[in-house]
Amino acid sequence: MKHGITLMDGAVGTSLWEKTEDKAPVWQYNVTNPRIISELCREYADAGAEIVLANTFGANAMSMKGTPYRVAEIVPAAMELAGEALAGPREARAVGRPAARPA
């Protein structure tokens, strides 16, 4: 059996920015605007996606420096939002686990 490589680039940030006037770093939406995260995850699933990425792009200690946010808050929120949005007939299966370190 031959196994291929799955290459993923869903333009999640671009898609999120199309849903809001607030052009903040997209990882902030996990706590400031979770509705659009859930909405986008459901849109991907409804379109037939077999892989949906959690909104963790740029969610690192360096990008959060000087903000009230922490990686340990943002990454689990992203995973939870994606999982909740995909619950139901097409139940989500998480691959891996957030390896966030407190910042």
Protein backbone atom coordinates (compact mmCIF):
# COMPACT_ATOMS: atom_id res chain seq x y z
CA MET A 1 0.00 0.00 0.00
CA LYS A 2 1.41 3.37 -0.98
CA HIS A 3 1.05 6.25 1.48
CA GLY A 4 1.03 9.81 0.26
CA ILE A 5 1.91 13.00 2.03
CA THR A 6 -0.87 15.36 3.05
CA LEU A 7 0.13 18.98 2.56
CA MET A 8 -2.06 21.48 4.38
CA ASP A 9 -2.45 25.21 3.98
CA GLY A 10 -5.98 26.28 4.63
CA ALA A 11 -5.46 30.06 4.66
CA VAL A 12 -7.17 30.07 8.04
CA GLY A 13 -5.92 33.55 8.95
CA THR A 14 -7.11 35.03 5.66
CA SER A 15 -10.49 33.35 6.06
CA LEU A 16 -10.83 34.67 9.61
CA TRP A 17 -9.89 38.20 8.59
CA GLU A 18 -12.68 38.08 5.98
CA LYS A 19 -15.14 37.51 8.85
CA THR A 20 -14.20 40.54 10.95
CA GLU A 21 -13.13 44.16 10.72
CA ASP A 22 -10.73 43.60 13.64
CA LYS A 23 -7.42 42.63 12.01
CA ALA A 24 -5.80 41.38 15.22
CA PRO A 25 -3.38 38.46 15.30
CA VAL A 26 -5.65 35.52 14.47
CA TRP A 27 -4.72 33.53 17.59
CA GLN A 28 -6.44 36.22 19.68
CA TYR A 29 -9.80 35.29 18.17
CA ASN A 30 -9.74 32.05 20.17
CA VAL A 31 -10.68 34.13 23.21
CA THR A 32 -11.88 37.47 21.80
CA ASN A 33 -14.11 36.22 18.98
CA PRO A 34 -14.63 32.45 19.32
CA ARG A 35 -17.80 32.57 17.21
CA ILE A 36 -15.84 33.09 13.99
CA ILE A 37 -13.45 30.25 14.86
CA SER A 38 -16.34 27.82 15.34
CA GLU A 39 -18.08 29.12 12.22
CA LEU A 40 -14.99 28.61 10.05
CA CYS A 41 -14.40 25.07 11.39
CA ARG A 42 -18.02 24.16 10.58
CA GLU A 43 -17.68 25.68 7.09
CA TYR A 44 -14.63 23.51 6.37
CA ALA A 45 -16.48 20.38 7.62
CA ASP A 46 -19.63 21.24 5.66
CA ALA A 47 -17.50 21.61 2.53
CA GLY A 48 -16.27 18.04 3.02
CA ALA A 49 -12.88 18.63 4.62
CA GLU A 50 -11.36 15.58 6.25
CA ILE A 51 -8.75 17.65 8.07
CA VAL A 52 -9.54 20.84 9.96
CA LEU A 53 -6.73 22.76 11.61
CA ALA A 54 -7.09 24.38 15.01
CA ASN A 55 -6.43 28.11 14.98
CA THR A 56 -2.93 28.07 16.48
CA PHE A 57 -0.98 29.98 13.81
CA GLY A 58 1.41 32.39 15.50
CA ALA A 59 0.35 31.26 18.97
CA ASN A 60 3.75 31.39 20.60
CA ALA A 61 5.33 33.20 23.52
CA MET A 62 7.22 35.63 21.29
CA SER A 63 4.10 36.85 19.47
CA MET A 64 2.23 37.20 22.77
CA LYS A 65 4.96 39.16 24.49
CA GLY A 66 3.52 42.38 25.91
CA THR A 67 -0.09 41.11 25.71
CA PRO A 68 -2.25 39.71 28.50
CA TYR A 69 -2.47 36.38 26.63
CA ARG A 70 -0.51 33.19 27.23
CA VAL A 71 0.16 30.17 25.02
CA ALA A 72 -1.24 27.90 27.73
CA GLU A 73 -4.59 29.72 27.34
CA ILE A 74 -4.73 30.24 23.57
CA VAL A 75 -3.73 26.80 22.24
CA PRO A 76 -6.15 24.76 24.39
CA ALA A 77 -8.92 27.24 23.49
CA ALA A 78 -8.18 26.68 19.79
CA MET A 79 -8.36 22.89 20.19
CA GLU A 80 -11.57 23.10 22.22
CA LEU A 81 -13.29 25.42 19.73
CA ALA A 82 -12.43 23.22 16.77
CA GLY A 83 -13.54 20.08 18.60
CA GLU A 84 -16.83 21.61 19.72
CA ALA A 85 -17.56 22.98 16.26
CA LEU A 86 -17.02 19.56 14.70
CA ALA A 87 -18.95 17.52 17.28
CA GLY A 88 -21.86 15.53 15.96
CA PRO A 89 -22.20 13.17 13.02
CA ARG A 90 -18.64 13.89 11.89
CA GLU A 91 -16.99 13.78 15.28
CA ALA A 92 -13.53 15.30 15.39
CA ARG A 93 -10.53 13.23 16.36
CA ALA A 94 -7.60 15.15 17.77
CA VAL A 95 -4.17 14.13 16.60
CA GLY A 96 -1.51 14.96 19.16
CA ARG A 97 -2.04 17.21 22.08
CA PRO A 98 -1.16 20.82 22.77
CA ALA A 99 2.36 20.98 24.09
CA ALA A 100 2.05 24.49 25.41
CA ARG A 101 4.51 25.73 28.00
CA PRO A 102 3.45 28.47 30.35
CA ALA A 103 4.88 31.73 29.05
